[in-house]
């Protein structure tokens, strides 16, 4: 268990962490998600001991480590740009921490072989970092971090510098790795899809505060406020309410089917809209629309089958309604904070 209590960190007049309290269960994979400048990297670095808090405490497995050096916190850390030893082979890079701790040669050999197999680098032992792809270097970095059996694994945007296909593959691989090794893991990301795909729990940060913590499905389906909903997945504004694009039903007839017993078309509201663009995104179709009454633009997400059945084309008039509207506080959509020049994410 990692417990952060009342954490505060200021950079001049900017509050990177503003009284943050967070519990991270043992064995979980928790994502710290938020825009640039939200405090997620500052929080991760504070857990690691790489940032000194101005106030508050950090405990790991019941031990107060607030004033303990990073080397004595029993953590593994992987950055976005991992600084491997270029003159060392993959095997020697992974073994480095074990050699520093003066482990026996047999133990080192066994541990390195085991980890290289786990991370899918068996057979790459004698290559050098320059001979690996970006994804392979990050897997080597994770093997090196895990070699010393840390209590906690901290990942700071580990896949951010990689292309989309490699990131997707490594997300799947990381989830499988976590299920195998069960080390308590904290992942910093600004990628909502990455957090939803990988994490057991997500903590959404904004302007140095935690907005909501919980399982991905809870945050997506039951966001605590408009910021969480707007940041965790796409949103559309329909008749003054935030809805998910996949919860918007469109058709050519204003008497659209009612989603639930007892509802009427009038109670949910039907919007007359003009189709501005139809975008095919693989297995789904995004329909960009303009509200004919207000001029507001919004998008609906439909299946390829529904799109083909409707035969949608630009300039046509359709009718839209929300089939599900989250219960959010009545206030304007929060603006995503810009990252100050002196702040860490």
C-alpha atoms as a PDB file:
ATOM      1  CA  UNK A   1       0.000   0.000   0.000  1.00  0.00           C
ATOM      2  CA  UNK A   2       1.222   3.491  -0.898  1.00  0.00           C
ATOM      3  CA  UNK A   3      -0.401   6.302   1.052  1.00  0.00           C
ATOM      4  CA  UNK A   4       0.053   9.959   0.200  1.00  0.00           C
ATOM      5  CA  UNK A   5      -1.462  12.295   2.787  1.00  0.00           C
ATOM      6  CA  UNK A   6      -1.895  16.053   2.440  1.00  0.00           C
ATOM      7  CA  UNK A   7       0.878  16.387  -0.137  1.00  0.00           C
ATOM      8  CA  UNK A   8       1.781  19.960  -1.073  1.00  0.00           C
ATOM      9  CA  UNK A   9       4.406  21.127  -3.536  1.00  0.00           C
ATOM     10  CA  UNK A  10       4.877  24.668  -4.819  1.00  0.00           C
ATOM     11  CA  UNK A  11       7.070  26.073  -7.563  1.00  0.00           C
ATOM     12  CA  UNK A  12       7.073  29.748  -6.671  1.00  0.00           C
ATOM     13  CA  UNK A  13       3.426  30.827  -6.685  1.00  0.00           C
ATOM     14  CA  UNK A  14       2.320  27.756  -8.635  1.00  0.00           C
ATOM     15  CA  UNK A  15       0.801  24.909  -6.604  1.00  0.00           C
ATOM     16  CA  UNK A  16       1.828  21.684  -8.361  1.00  0.00           C
ATOM     17  CA  UNK A  17       0.266  19.613  -5.553  1.00  0.00           C
ATOM     18  CA  UNK A  18      -2.494  21.169  -3.470  1.00  0.00           C
ATOM     19  CA  UNK A  19      -3.292  18.997  -0.427  1.00  0.00           C
ATOM     20  CA  UNK A  20      -3.324  15.683  -2.313  1.00  0.00           C
ATOM     21  CA  UNK A  21      -4.348  12.532  -0.453  1.00  0.00           C
ATOM     22  CA  UNK A  22      -4.311   9.176  -2.250  1.00  0.00           C
ATOM     23  CA  UNK A  23      -4.252   5.478  -1.306  1.00  0.00           C
ATOM     24  CA  UNK A  24      -2.755   3.034  -3.818  1.00  0.00           C
ATOM     25  CA  UNK A  25      -3.576  -0.595  -2.930  1.00  0.00           C
ATOM     26  CA  UNK A  26      -0.837  -3.223  -2.836  1.00  0.00           C
ATOM     27  CA  UNK A  27      -0.562  -5.180  -6.075  1.00  0.00           C
ATOM     28  CA  UNK A  28      -2.658  -2.707  -8.056  1.00  0.00           C
ATOM     29  CA  UNK A  29      -1.835  -0.908 -11.284  1.00  0.00           C
ATOM     30  CA  UNK A  30      -2.934   2.668 -10.732  1.00  0.00           C
ATOM     31  CA  UNK A  31      -2.815   5.340 -13.435  1.00  0.00           C
ATOM     32  CA  UNK A  32      -2.297   9.021 -12.608  1.00  0.00           C
ATOM     33  CA  UNK A  33      -4.154  10.723 -15.426  1.00  0.00           C
ATOM     34  CA  UNK A  34      -4.427  14.408 -16.217  1.00  0.00           C
ATOM     35  CA  UNK A  35      -3.472  17.232 -18.580  1.00  0.00           C
ATOM     36  CA  UNK A  36      -0.056  18.867 -18.649  1.00  0.00           C
ATOM     37  CA  UNK A  37       0.521  20.814 -15.448  1.00  0.00           C
ATOM     38  CA  UNK A  38      -2.044  18.816 -13.449  1.00  0.00           C
ATOM     39  CA  UNK A  39       0.552  17.514 -10.965  1.00  0.00           C
ATOM     40  CA  UNK A  40       0.671  13.850 -11.962  1.00  0.00           C
ATOM     41  CA  UNK A  41       4.445  13.689 -12.601  1.00  0.00           C
ATOM     42  CA  UNK A  42       5.133  15.764  -9.498  1.00  0.00           C
ATOM     43  CA  UNK A  43       3.091  13.292  -7.454  1.00  0.00           C
ATOM     44  CA  UNK A  44       4.945  10.320  -8.955  1.00  0.00           C
ATOM     45  CA  UNK A  45       8.340  11.931  -8.336  1.00  0.00           C
ATOM     46  CA  UNK A  46       7.301  12.699  -4.760  1.00  0.00           C
ATOM     47  CA  UNK A  47       6.468   9.031  -4.203  1.00  0.00           C
ATOM     48  CA  UNK A  48       9.885   8.171  -5.641  1.00  0.00           C
ATOM     49  CA  UNK A  49      11.677  10.706  -3.449  1.00  0.00           C
ATOM     50  CA  UNK A  50      12.875  12.710  -6.455  1.00  0.00           C
ATOM     51  CA  UNK A  51      10.872  15.733  -5.267  1.00  0.00           C
ATOM     52  CA  UNK A  52      10.823  17.040  -1.699  1.00  0.00           C
ATOM     53  CA  UNK A  53       7.332  17.877  -0.512  1.00  0.00           C
ATOM     54  CA  UNK A  54       6.576  21.233   1.083  1.00  0.00           C
ATOM     55  CA  UNK A  55       4.044  19.461   3.275  1.00  0.00           C
ATOM     56  CA  UNK A  56       2.394  16.093   3.750  1.00  0.00           C
ATOM     57  CA  UNK A  57       3.686  12.523   3.994  1.00  0.00           C
ATOM     58  CA  UNK A  58       4.375   9.463   1.852  1.00  0.00           C
ATOM     59  CA  UNK A  59       4.271   5.949   3.280  1.00  0.00           C
ATOM     60  CA  UNK A  60       5.120   2.698   1.477  1.00  0.00           C
ATOM     61  CA  UNK A  61       4.021  -0.583   3.062  1.00  0.00           C
ATOM     62  CA  UNK A  62       3.364   1.233   6.341  1.00  0.00           C
ATOM     63  CA  UNK A  63       6.813   2.865   6.449  1.00  0.00           C
ATOM     64  CA  UNK A  64       7.050   6.656   6.418  1.00  0.00           C
ATOM     65  CA  UNK A  65       9.484   7.448   3.587  1.00  0.00           C
ATOM     66  CA  UNK A  66       8.806  11.179   3.333  1.00  0.00           C
ATOM     67  CA  UNK A  67      12.400  12.043   4.237  1.00  0.00           C
ATOM     68  CA  UNK A  68      14.023   8.836   2.966  1.00  0.00           C
ATOM     69  CA  UNK A  69      16.331   8.999  -0.067  1.00  0.00           C
ATOM     70  CA  UNK A  70      15.147   7.435  -3.367  1.00  0.00           C
ATOM     71  CA  UNK A  71      17.797   4.706  -3.114  1.00  0.00           C
ATOM     72  CA  UNK A  72      16.309   3.483   0.167  1.00  0.00           C
ATOM     73  CA  UNK A  73      12.634   3.479  -0.822  1.00  0.00           C
ATOM     74  CA  UNK A  74      12.750   0.073  -2.559  1.00  0.00           C
ATOM     75  CA  UNK A  75      11.279   1.311  -5.829  1.00  0.00           C
ATOM     76  CA  UNK A  76      11.898   0.773  -9.527  1.00  0.00           C
ATOM     77  CA  UNK A  77      11.539   3.789 -11.830  1.00  0.00           C
ATOM     78  CA  UNK A  78      11.140   3.904 -15.617  1.00  0.00           C
ATOM     79  CA  UNK A  79      11.143   7.235 -17.449  1.00  0.00           C
ATOM     80  CA  UNK A  80       9.841   8.119 -20.912  1.00  0.00           C
ATOM     81  CA  UNK A  81      13.390   8.446 -22.228  1.00  0.00           C
ATOM     82  CA  UNK A  82      15.305   5.650 -20.580  1.00  0.00           C
ATOM     83  CA  UNK A  83      19.046   6.211 -20.234  1.00  0.00           C
ATOM     84  CA  UNK A  84      20.494   2.770 -20.872  1.00  0.00           C
ATOM     85  CA  UNK A  85      24.200   2.097 -20.621  1.00  0.00           C
ATOM     86  CA  UNK A  86      25.078   2.192 -24.315  1.00  0.00           C
ATOM     87  CA  UNK A  87      28.334   0.293 -23.865  1.00  0.00           C
ATOM     88  CA  UNK A  88      26.618  -2.582 -22.051  1.00  0.00           C
ATOM     89  CA  UNK A  89      24.691  -5.478 -23.536  1.00  0.00           C
ATOM     90  CA  UNK A  90      21.033  -6.076 -22.710  1.00  0.00           C
ATOM     91  CA  UNK A  91      22.081  -8.719 -20.184  1.00  0.00           C
ATOM     92  CA  UNK A  92      24.527  -6.365 -18.436  1.00  0.00           C
ATOM     93  CA  UNK A  93      22.007  -3.512 -18.379  1.00  0.00           C
ATOM     94  CA  UNK A  94      19.406  -5.707 -16.686  1.00  0.00           C
ATOM     95  CA  UNK A  95      21.990  -7.147 -14.283  1.00  0.00           C
ATOM     96  CA  UNK A  96      23.430  -3.771 -13.271  1.00  0.00           C
ATOM     97  CA  UNK A  97      21.307  -3.226 -10.147  1.00  0.00           C
ATOM     98  CA  UNK A  98      21.937  -6.762  -8.944  1.00  0.00           C
ATOM     99  CA  UNK A  99      25.703  -6.361  -9.345  1.00  0.00           C
ATOM    100  CA  UNK A 100      25.620  -3.097  -7.382  1.00  0.00           C
ATOM    101  CA  UNK A 101      23.868  -4.996  -4.595  1.00  0.00           C
ATOM    102  CA  UNK A 102      26.642  -7.631  -4.760  1.00  0.00           C
ATOM    103  CA  UNK A 103      24.353 -10.570  -5.517  1.00  0.00           C
ATOM    104  CA  UNK A 104      25.992 -13.877  -6.436  1.00  0.00           C
ATOM    105  CA  UNK A 105      26.774 -14.676 -10.066  1.00  0.00           C
ATOM    106  CA  UNK A 106      24.416 -17.647 -10.154  1.00  0.00           C
ATOM    107  CA  UNK A 107      21.549 -15.604  -8.707  1.00  0.00           C
ATOM    108  CA  UNK A 108      22.186 -12.780 -11.186  1.00  0.00           C
ATOM    109  CA  UNK A 109      22.260 -15.163 -14.157  1.00  0.00           C
ATOM    110  CA  UNK A 110      19.044 -16.875 -13.067  1.00  0.00           C
ATOM    111  CA  UNK A 111      17.213 -13.605 -12.405  1.00  0.00           C
ATOM    112  CA  UNK A 112      18.287 -11.952 -15.658  1.00  0.00           C
ATOM    113  CA  UNK A 113      17.337 -14.988 -17.746  1.00  0.00           C
ATOM    114  CA  UNK A 114      13.954 -15.142 -16.023  1.00  0.00           C
ATOM    115  CA  UNK A 115      13.221 -11.451 -16.599  1.00  0.00           C
ATOM    116  CA  UNK A 116      14.361 -11.417 -20.218  1.00  0.00           C
ATOM    117  CA  UNK A 117      11.970 -14.272 -20.903  1.00  0.00           C
ATOM    118  CA  UNK A 118       9.135 -12.474 -19.107  1.00  0.00           C
ATOM    119  CA  UNK A 119       9.624  -9.240 -21.072  1.00  0.00           C
ATOM    120  CA  UNK A 120      10.055 -11.031 -24.389  1.00  0.00           C
ATOM    121  CA  UNK A 121      13.761 -10.340 -24.882  1.00  0.00           C
ATOM    122  CA  UNK A 122      15.025 -13.885 -24.610  1.00  0.00           C
ATOM    123  CA  UNK A 123      17.612 -14.217 -27.362  1.00  0.00           C
ATOM    124  CA  UNK A 124      18.551 -10.531 -27.238  1.00  0.00           C
ATOM    125  CA  UNK A 125      20.963 -10.900 -24.292  1.00  0.00           C
ATOM    126  CA  UNK A 126      24.076  -9.986 -26.249  1.00  0.00           C
ATOM    127  CA  UNK A 127      22.679  -7.061 -28.209  1.00  0.00           C
ATOM    128  CA  UNK A 128      23.419  -3.449 -27.339  1.00  0.00           C
ATOM    129  CA  UNK A 129      20.720  -0.782 -26.787  1.00  0.00           C
ATOM    130  CA  UNK A 130      21.407   0.778 -30.205  1.00  0.00           C
ATOM    131  CA  UNK A 131      20.491  -2.566 -31.781  1.00  0.00           C
ATOM    132  CA  UNK A 132      17.008  -2.577 -30.199  1.00  0.00           C
ATOM    133  CA  UNK A 133      13.788  -0.898 -31.283  1.00  0.00           C
ATOM    134  CA  UNK A 134      12.212   1.738 -29.047  1.00  0.00           C
ATOM    135  CA  UNK A 135       9.715  -0.755 -27.702  1.00  0.00           C
ATOM    136  CA  UNK A 136      12.430  -3.292 -26.969  1.00  0.00           C
ATOM    137  CA  UNK A 137      14.487  -0.680 -25.103  1.00  0.00           C
ATOM    138  CA  UNK A 138      11.495   0.124 -22.883  1.00  0.00           C
ATOM    139  CA  UNK A 139      10.970  -3.560 -22.147  1.00  0.00           C
ATOM    140  CA  UNK A 140      14.654  -3.783 -21.226  1.00  0.00           C
ATOM    141  CA  UNK A 141      14.149  -0.764 -18.961  1.00  0.00           C
ATOM    142  CA  UNK A 142      11.252  -2.496 -17.219  1.00  0.00           C
ATOM    143  CA  UNK A 143      13.279  -5.690 -16.787  1.00  0.00           C
ATOM    144  CA  UNK A 144      16.105  -3.685 -15.226  1.00  0.00           C
ATOM    145  CA  UNK A 145      13.689  -1.926 -12.858  1.00  0.00           C
ATOM    146  CA  UNK A 146      12.145  -5.257 -11.825  1.00  0.00           C
ATOM    147  CA  UNK A 147      15.483  -7.048 -11.368  1.00  0.00           C
ATOM    148  CA  UNK A 148      15.958  -5.809  -7.805  1.00  0.00           C
ATOM    149  CA  UNK A 149      12.465  -6.968  -6.725  1.00  0.00           C
ATOM    150  CA  UNK A 150      11.134  -3.509  -5.833  1.00  0.00           C
ATOM    151  CA  UNK A 151       8.057  -3.082  -3.666  1.00  0.00           C
ATOM    152  CA  UNK A 152       6.831  -0.398  -6.069  1.00  0.00           C
ATOM    153  CA  UNK A 153       7.261   0.180  -9.808  1.00  0.00           C
ATOM    154  CA  UNK A 154       6.847   3.788 -10.983  1.00  0.00           C
ATOM    155  CA  UNK A 155       6.356   4.505 -14.682  1.00  0.00           C
ATOM    156  CA  UNK A 156       6.519   8.101 -15.961  1.00  0.00           C
ATOM    157  CA  UNK A 157       4.990   8.220 -19.472  1.00  0.00           C
ATOM    158  CA  UNK A 158       7.030   5.113 -20.405  1.00  0.00           C
ATOM    159  CA  UNK A 159       5.550   4.779 -23.897  1.00  0.00           C
ATOM    160  CA  UNK A 160       5.099   8.452 -24.734  1.00  0.00           C
ATOM    161  CA  UNK A 161       7.948   8.637 -27.250  1.00  0.00           C
ATOM    162  CA  UNK A 162       6.797   5.597 -29.258  1.00  0.00           C
ATOM    163  CA  UNK A 163       4.465   5.434 -32.229  1.00  0.00           C
ATOM    164  CA  UNK A 164       0.793   4.548 -31.796  1.00  0.00           C
ATOM    165  CA  UNK A 165       1.009   0.898 -32.881  1.00  0.00           C
ATOM    166  CA  UNK A 166       3.999   0.171 -30.609  1.00  0.00           C
ATOM    167  CA  UNK A 167       2.289   1.963 -27.694  1.00  0.00           C
ATOM    168  CA  UNK A 168      -0.823  -0.169 -28.131  1.00  0.00           C
ATOM    169  CA  UNK A 169       1.233  -3.366 -28.222  1.00  0.00           C
ATOM    170  CA  UNK A 170       3.222  -2.375 -25.130  1.00  0.00           C
ATOM    171  CA  UNK A 171       0.069  -1.471 -23.195  1.00  0.00           C
ATOM    172  CA  UNK A 172      -1.212  -4.988 -23.714  1.00  0.00           C
ATOM    173  CA  UNK A 173       2.182  -6.407 -22.804  1.00  0.00           C
ATOM    174  CA  UNK A 174       2.414  -4.251 -19.635  1.00  0.00           C
ATOM    175  CA  UNK A 175      -0.981  -5.456 -18.432  1.00  0.00           C
ATOM    176  CA  UNK A 176       0.070  -9.080 -18.914  1.00  0.00           C
ATOM    177  CA  UNK A 177       3.390  -8.420 -17.198  1.00  0.00           C
ATOM    178  CA  UNK A 178       1.639  -6.868 -14.208  1.00  0.00           C
ATOM    179  CA  UNK A 179      -0.733  -9.809 -13.931  1.00  0.00           C
ATOM    180  CA  UNK A 180       2.315 -12.076 -13.793  1.00  0.00           C
ATOM    181  CA  UNK A 181       4.578 -10.201 -11.364  1.00  0.00           C
ATOM    182  CA  UNK A 182       1.917  -8.412  -9.230  1.00  0.00           C
ATOM    183  CA  UNK A 183       4.212  -5.566  -8.184  1.00  0.00           C
ATOM    184  CA  UNK A 184       2.409  -2.423  -7.039  1.00  0.00           C
ATOM    185  CA  UNK A 185       2.620  -0.154 -10.086  1.00  0.00           C
ATOM    186  CA  UNK A 186       1.897   3.543 -10.606  1.00  0.00           C
ATOM    187  CA  UNK A 187       1.703   4.806 -14.186  1.00  0.00           C
ATOM    188  CA  UNK A 188       1.696   8.488 -15.180  1.00  0.00           C
ATOM    189  CA  UNK A 189      -0.038   9.199 -18.466  1.00  0.00           C
ATOM    190  CA  UNK A 190      -2.002  11.916 -20.240  1.00  0.00           C
ATOM    191  CA  UNK A 191      -3.415   9.296 -22.641  1.00  0.00           C
ATOM    192  CA  UNK A 192      -6.978   8.457 -21.619  1.00  0.00           C
ATOM    193  CA  UNK A 193      -7.081   5.308 -23.761  1.00  0.00           C
ATOM    194  CA  UNK A 194      -3.869   4.070 -22.158  1.00  0.00           C
ATOM    195  CA  UNK A 195      -5.258   4.567 -18.657  1.00  0.00           C
ATOM    196  CA  UNK A 196      -8.559   2.859 -19.496  1.00  0.00           C
ATOM    197  CA  UNK A 197      -6.761  -0.021 -21.205  1.00  0.00           C
ATOM    198  CA  UNK A 198      -4.119  -0.794 -18.587  1.00  0.00           C
ATOM    199  CA  UNK A 199      -5.116   0.368 -15.114  1.00  0.00           C
ATOM    200  CA  UNK A 200      -7.102  -1.252 -12.296  1.00  0.00           C
ATOM    201  CA  UNK A 201      -7.715   2.206 -10.850  1.00  0.00           C
ATOM    202  CA  UNK A 202      -7.410   5.729 -12.207  1.00  0.00           C
ATOM    203  CA  UNK A 203      -6.759   8.939 -10.281  1.00  0.00           C
ATOM    204  CA  UNK A 204      -7.707  11.988 -12.354  1.00  0.00           C
ATOM    205  CA  UNK A 205      -5.715  15.100 -11.459  1.00  0.00           C
ATOM    206  CA  UNK A 206      -6.414  18.701 -12.375  1.00  0.00           C
ATOM    207  CA  UNK A 207      -4.559  21.819 -11.218  1.00  0.00           C
ATOM    208  CA  UNK A 208      -2.772  20.013  -8.424  1.00  0.00           C
ATOM    209  CA  UNK A 209      -5.837  18.307  -6.979  1.00  0.00           C
ATOM    210  CA  UNK A 210      -7.424  14.894  -7.371  1.00  0.00           C
ATOM    211  CA  UNK A 211     -10.843  15.112  -9.001  1.00  0.00           C
ATOM    212  CA  UNK A 212     -11.847  11.439  -8.728  1.00  0.00           C
ATOM    213  CA  UNK A 213     -10.348   8.018  -8.005  1.00  0.00           C
ATOM    214  CA  UNK A 214     -11.802   4.638  -8.885  1.00  0.00           C
ATOM    215  CA  UNK A 215     -11.995   1.756 -11.367  1.00  0.00           C
ATOM    216  CA  UNK A 216     -11.941   2.848 -15.026  1.00  0.00           C
ATOM    217  CA  UNK A 217     -15.564   1.811 -15.679  1.00  0.00           C
ATOM    218  CA  UNK A 218     -16.808   3.826 -12.681  1.00  0.00           C
ATOM    219  CA  UNK A 219     -15.019   6.981 -13.766  1.00  0.00           C
ATOM    220  CA  UNK A 220     -16.168   6.608 -17.367  1.00  0.00           C
ATOM    221  CA  UNK A 221     -19.815   5.793 -16.592  1.00  0.00           C
ATOM    222  CA  UNK A 222     -20.220   7.793 -13.372  1.00  0.00           C
ATOM    223  CA  UNK A 223     -17.857  10.787 -13.506  1.00  0.00           C
ATOM    224  CA  UNK A 224     -17.976  13.006 -10.436  1.00  0.00           C
ATOM    225  CA  UNK A 225     -17.929  16.225 -12.434  1.00  0.00           C
ATOM    226  CA  UNK A 226     -17.749  17.706 -15.912  1.00  0.00           C
ATOM    227  CA  UNK A 227     -13.941  17.849 -15.916  1.00  0.00           C
ATOM    228  CA  UNK A 228     -13.590  14.100 -15.336  1.00  0.00           C
ATOM    229  CA  UNK A 229     -16.165  13.341 -17.989  1.00  0.00           C
ATOM    230  CA  UNK A 230     -14.559  15.726 -20.488  1.00  0.00           C
ATOM    231  CA  UNK A 231     -11.063  14.391 -19.877  1.00  0.00           C
ATOM    232  CA  UNK A 232     -11.831  10.683 -19.688  1.00  0.00           C
ATOM    233  CA  UNK A 233     -13.066   9.995 -23.192  1.00  0.00           C
ATOM    234  CA  UNK A 234     -14.839  12.002 -25.897  1.00  0.00           C
ATOM    235  CA  UNK A 235     -17.859  14.145 -25.088  1.00  0.00           C
ATOM    236  CA  UNK A 236     -20.483  16.054 -27.020  1.00  0.00           C
ATOM    237  CA  UNK A 237     -22.750  18.862 -25.861  1.00  0.00           C
ATOM    238  CA  UNK A 238     -26.363  18.227 -26.776  1.00  0.00           C
ATOM    239  CA  UNK A 239     -29.155  20.542 -25.628  1.00  0.00           C
ATOM    240  CA  UNK A 240     -26.887  21.958 -22.925  1.00  0.00           C
ATOM    241  CA  UNK A 241     -25.881  18.566 -21.515  1.00  0.00           C
ATOM    242  CA  UNK A 242     -22.625  16.642 -21.792  1.00  0.00           C
ATOM    243  CA  UNK A 243     -23.088  13.182 -23.299  1.00  0.00           C
ATOM    244  CA  UNK A 244     -20.852  10.516 -24.791  1.00  0.00           C
ATOM    245  CA  UNK A 245     -20.940  10.448 -28.611  1.00  0.00           C
ATOM    246  CA  UNK A 246     -21.774   6.729 -28.515  1.00  0.00           C
ATOM    247  CA  UNK A 247     -24.827   7.599 -26.380  1.00  0.00           C
ATOM    248  CA  UNK A 248     -26.299   9.784 -29.138  1.00  0.00           C
ATOM    249  CA  UNK A 249     -28.786   8.091 -31.412  1.00  0.00           C
ATOM    250  CA  UNK A 250     -29.455   9.564 -34.827  1.00  0.00           C
ATOM    251  CA  UNK A 251     -32.125   8.820 -37.425  1.00  0.00           C
ATOM    252  CA  UNK A 252     -34.195  10.329 -40.185  1.00  0.00           C
ATOM    253  CA  UNK A 253     -37.488  10.221 -38.254  1.00  0.00           C
ATOM    254  CA  UNK A 254     -38.027  12.524 -35.220  1.00  0.00           C
ATOM    255  CA  UNK A 255     -40.055   9.767 -33.526  1.00  0.00           C
ATOM    256  CA  UNK A 256     -36.918   7.859 -32.584  1.00  0.00           C
ATOM    257  CA  UNK A 257     -37.249   4.690 -30.507  1.00  0.00           C
ATOM    258  CA  UNK A 258     -37.365   5.337 -26.785  1.00  0.00           C
ATOM    259  CA  UNK A 259     -34.441   3.797 -24.899  1.00  0.00           C
ATOM    260  CA  UNK A 260     -36.101   2.934 -21.605  1.00  0.00           C
ATOM    261  CA  UNK A 261     -39.611   2.162 -20.359  1.00  0.00           C
ATOM    262  CA  UNK A 262     -41.639   5.192 -19.406  1.00  0.00           C
ATOM    263  CA  UNK A 263     -39.580   7.748 -21.342  1.00  0.00           C
ATOM    264  CA  UNK A 264     -41.025   9.879 -24.063  1.00  0.00           C
ATOM    265  CA  UNK A 265     -39.476  11.677 -26.956  1.00  0.00           C
ATOM    266  CA  UNK A 266     -40.429  15.006 -25.370  1.00  0.00           C
ATOM    267  CA  UNK A 267     -38.771  14.258 -22.022  1.00  0.00           C
ATOM    268  CA  UNK A 268     -35.393  13.460 -23.584  1.00  0.00           C
ATOM    269  CA  UNK A 269     -35.391  16.087 -26.284  1.00  0.00           C
ATOM    270  CA  UNK A 270     -34.994  15.611 -30.003  1.00  0.00           C
ATOM    271  CA  UNK A 271     -32.482  17.757 -31.866  1.00  0.00           C
ATOM    272  CA  UNK A 272     -32.780  18.567 -35.547  1.00  0.00           C
ATOM    273  CA  UNK A 273     -29.273  18.618 -36.995  1.00  0.00           C
ATOM    274  CA  UNK A 274     -27.392  18.902 -40.269  1.00  0.00           C
ATOM    275  CA  UNK A 275     -24.779  16.317 -41.207  1.00  0.00           C
ATOM    276  CA  UNK A 276     -21.507  18.165 -41.814  1.00  0.00           C
ATOM    277  CA  UNK A 277     -19.128  15.245 -42.204  1.00  0.00           C
ATOM    278  CA  UNK A 278     -19.122  11.449 -42.033  1.00  0.00           C
ATOM    279  CA  UNK A 279     -15.759  10.037 -40.941  1.00  0.00           C
ATOM    280  CA  UNK A 280     -15.022   6.312 -41.185  1.00  0.00           C
ATOM    281  CA  UNK A 281     -12.684   5.261 -38.351  1.00  0.00           C
ATOM    282  CA  UNK A 282     -12.244   1.575 -38.934  1.00  0.00           C
ATOM    283  CA  UNK A 283     -14.935  -0.292 -37.004  1.00  0.00           C
ATOM    284  CA  UNK A 284     -16.873   2.858 -36.117  1.00  0.00           C
ATOM    285  CA  UNK A 285     -18.160   5.979 -37.852  1.00  0.00           C
ATOM    286  CA  UNK A 286     -18.098   9.515 -36.470  1.00  0.00           C
ATOM    287  CA  UNK A 287     -20.873  11.785 -37.659  1.00  0.00           C
ATOM    288  CA  UNK A 288     -20.132  15.493 -37.240  1.00  0.00           C
ATOM    289  CA  UNK A 289     -23.367  17.446 -36.818  1.00  0.00           C
ATOM    290  CA  UNK A 290     -24.621  21.011 -36.407  1.00  0.00           C
ATOM    291  CA  UNK A 291     -27.607  21.784 -34.199  1.00  0.00           C
ATOM    292  CA  UNK A 292     -29.992  23.651 -36.526  1.00  0.00           C
ATOM    293  CA  UNK A 293     -31.600  25.527 -33.641  1.00  0.00           C
ATOM    294  CA  UNK A 294     -28.467  26.744 -31.843  1.00  0.00           C
ATOM    295  CA  UNK A 295     -25.693  26.371 -34.411  1.00  0.00           C
ATOM    296  CA  UNK A 296     -23.632  24.281 -31.945  1.00  0.00           C
ATOM    297  CA  UNK A 297     -21.434  21.548 -33.353  1.00  0.00           C
ATOM    298  CA  UNK A 298     -21.413  18.043 -31.871  1.00  0.00           C
ATOM    299  CA  UNK A 299     -20.502  14.511 -32.929  1.00  0.00           C
ATOM    300  CA  UNK A 300     -22.222  11.151 -32.698  1.00  0.00           C
ATOM    301  CA  UNK A 301     -20.538   7.773 -32.877  1.00  0.00           C
ATOM    302  CA  UNK A 302     -22.373   5.004 -34.729  1.00  0.00           C
ATOM    303  CA  UNK A 303     -21.541   1.556 -36.013  1.00  0.00           C
ATOM    304  CA  UNK A 304     -20.639   0.954 -39.632  1.00  0.00           C
ATOM    305  CA  UNK A 305     -23.851  -1.033 -39.985  1.00  0.00           C
ATOM    306  CA  UNK A 306     -26.031   1.807 -38.673  1.00  0.00           C
ATOM    307  CA  UNK A 307     -24.213   4.296 -40.884  1.00  0.00           C
ATOM    308  CA  UNK A 308     -24.769   2.139 -43.948  1.00  0.00           C
ATOM    309  CA  UNK A 309     -28.447   1.595 -43.071  1.00  0.00           C
ATOM    310  CA  UNK A 310     -29.026   5.328 -42.667  1.00  0.00           C
ATOM    311  CA  UNK A 311     -27.054   6.172 -45.817  1.00  0.00           C
ATOM    312  CA  UNK A 312     -25.782   9.393 -44.261  1.00  0.00           C
ATOM    313  CA  UNK A 313     -24.275  12.084 -46.459  1.00  0.00           C
ATOM    314  CA  UNK A 314     -23.165  15.677 -45.949  1.00  0.00           C
ATOM    315  CA  UNK A 315     -25.845  18.357 -45.944  1.00  0.00           C
ATOM    316  CA  UNK A 316     -28.709  16.074 -44.971  1.00  0.00           C
ATOM    317  CA  UNK A 317     -31.020  16.686 -42.027  1.00  0.00           C
ATOM    318  CA  UNK A 318     -31.249  14.080 -39.275  1.00  0.00           C
ATOM    319  CA  UNK A 319     -32.634  13.920 -35.751  1.00  0.00           C
ATOM    320  CA  UNK A 320     -30.528  13.186 -32.671  1.00  0.00           C
ATOM    321  CA  UNK A 321     -31.256  12.343 -29.054  1.00  0.00           C
ATOM    322  CA  UNK A 322     -29.236  11.241 -26.046  1.00  0.00           C
ATOM    323  CA  UNK A 323     -29.984   7.724 -24.841  1.00  0.00           C
ATOM    324  CA  UNK A 324     -27.987   8.241 -21.635  1.00  0.00           C
ATOM    325  CA  UNK A 325     -27.040  11.422 -19.774  1.00  0.00           C
ATOM    326  CA  UNK A 326     -24.688  11.226 -16.749  1.00  0.00           C
ATOM    327  CA  UNK A 327     -25.862  12.976 -13.590  1.00  0.00           C
ATOM    328  CA  UNK A 328     -23.365  15.835 -13.418  1.00  0.00           C
ATOM    329  CA  UNK A 329     -23.355  19.030 -11.360  1.00  0.00           C
ATOM    330  CA  UNK A 330     -24.863  21.933 -13.263  1.00  0.00           C
ATOM    331  CA  UNK A 331     -21.867  24.093 -14.161  1.00  0.00           C
ATOM    332  CA  UNK A 332     -19.903  25.002 -17.284  1.00  0.00           C
ATOM    333  CA  UNK A 333     -17.420  22.551 -18.708  1.00  0.00           C
ATOM    334  CA  UNK A 334     -14.069  23.076 -16.974  1.00  0.00           C
ATOM    335  CA  UNK A 335     -11.232  24.341 -19.086  1.00  0.00           C
ATOM    336  CA  UNK A 336      -8.134  22.136 -19.226  1.00  0.00           C
ATOM    337  CA  UNK A 337      -5.338  23.997 -17.450  1.00  0.00           C
ATOM    338  CA  UNK A 338      -2.379  25.013 -19.552  1.00  0.00           C
ATOM    339  CA  UNK A 339       1.013  23.917 -18.346  1.00  0.00           C
ATOM    340  CA  UNK A 340       2.950  26.742 -16.624  1.00  0.00           C
ATOM    341  CA  UNK A 341       6.572  27.099 -17.674  1.00  0.00           C
ATOM    342  CA  UNK A 342       7.828  26.323 -14.165  1.00  0.00           C
ATOM    343  CA  UNK A 343       5.577  23.357 -13.446  1.00  0.00           C
ATOM    344  CA  UNK A 344       6.001  19.634 -13.743  1.00  0.00           C
ATOM    345  CA  UNK A 345       3.102  17.531 -15.040  1.00  0.00           C
END
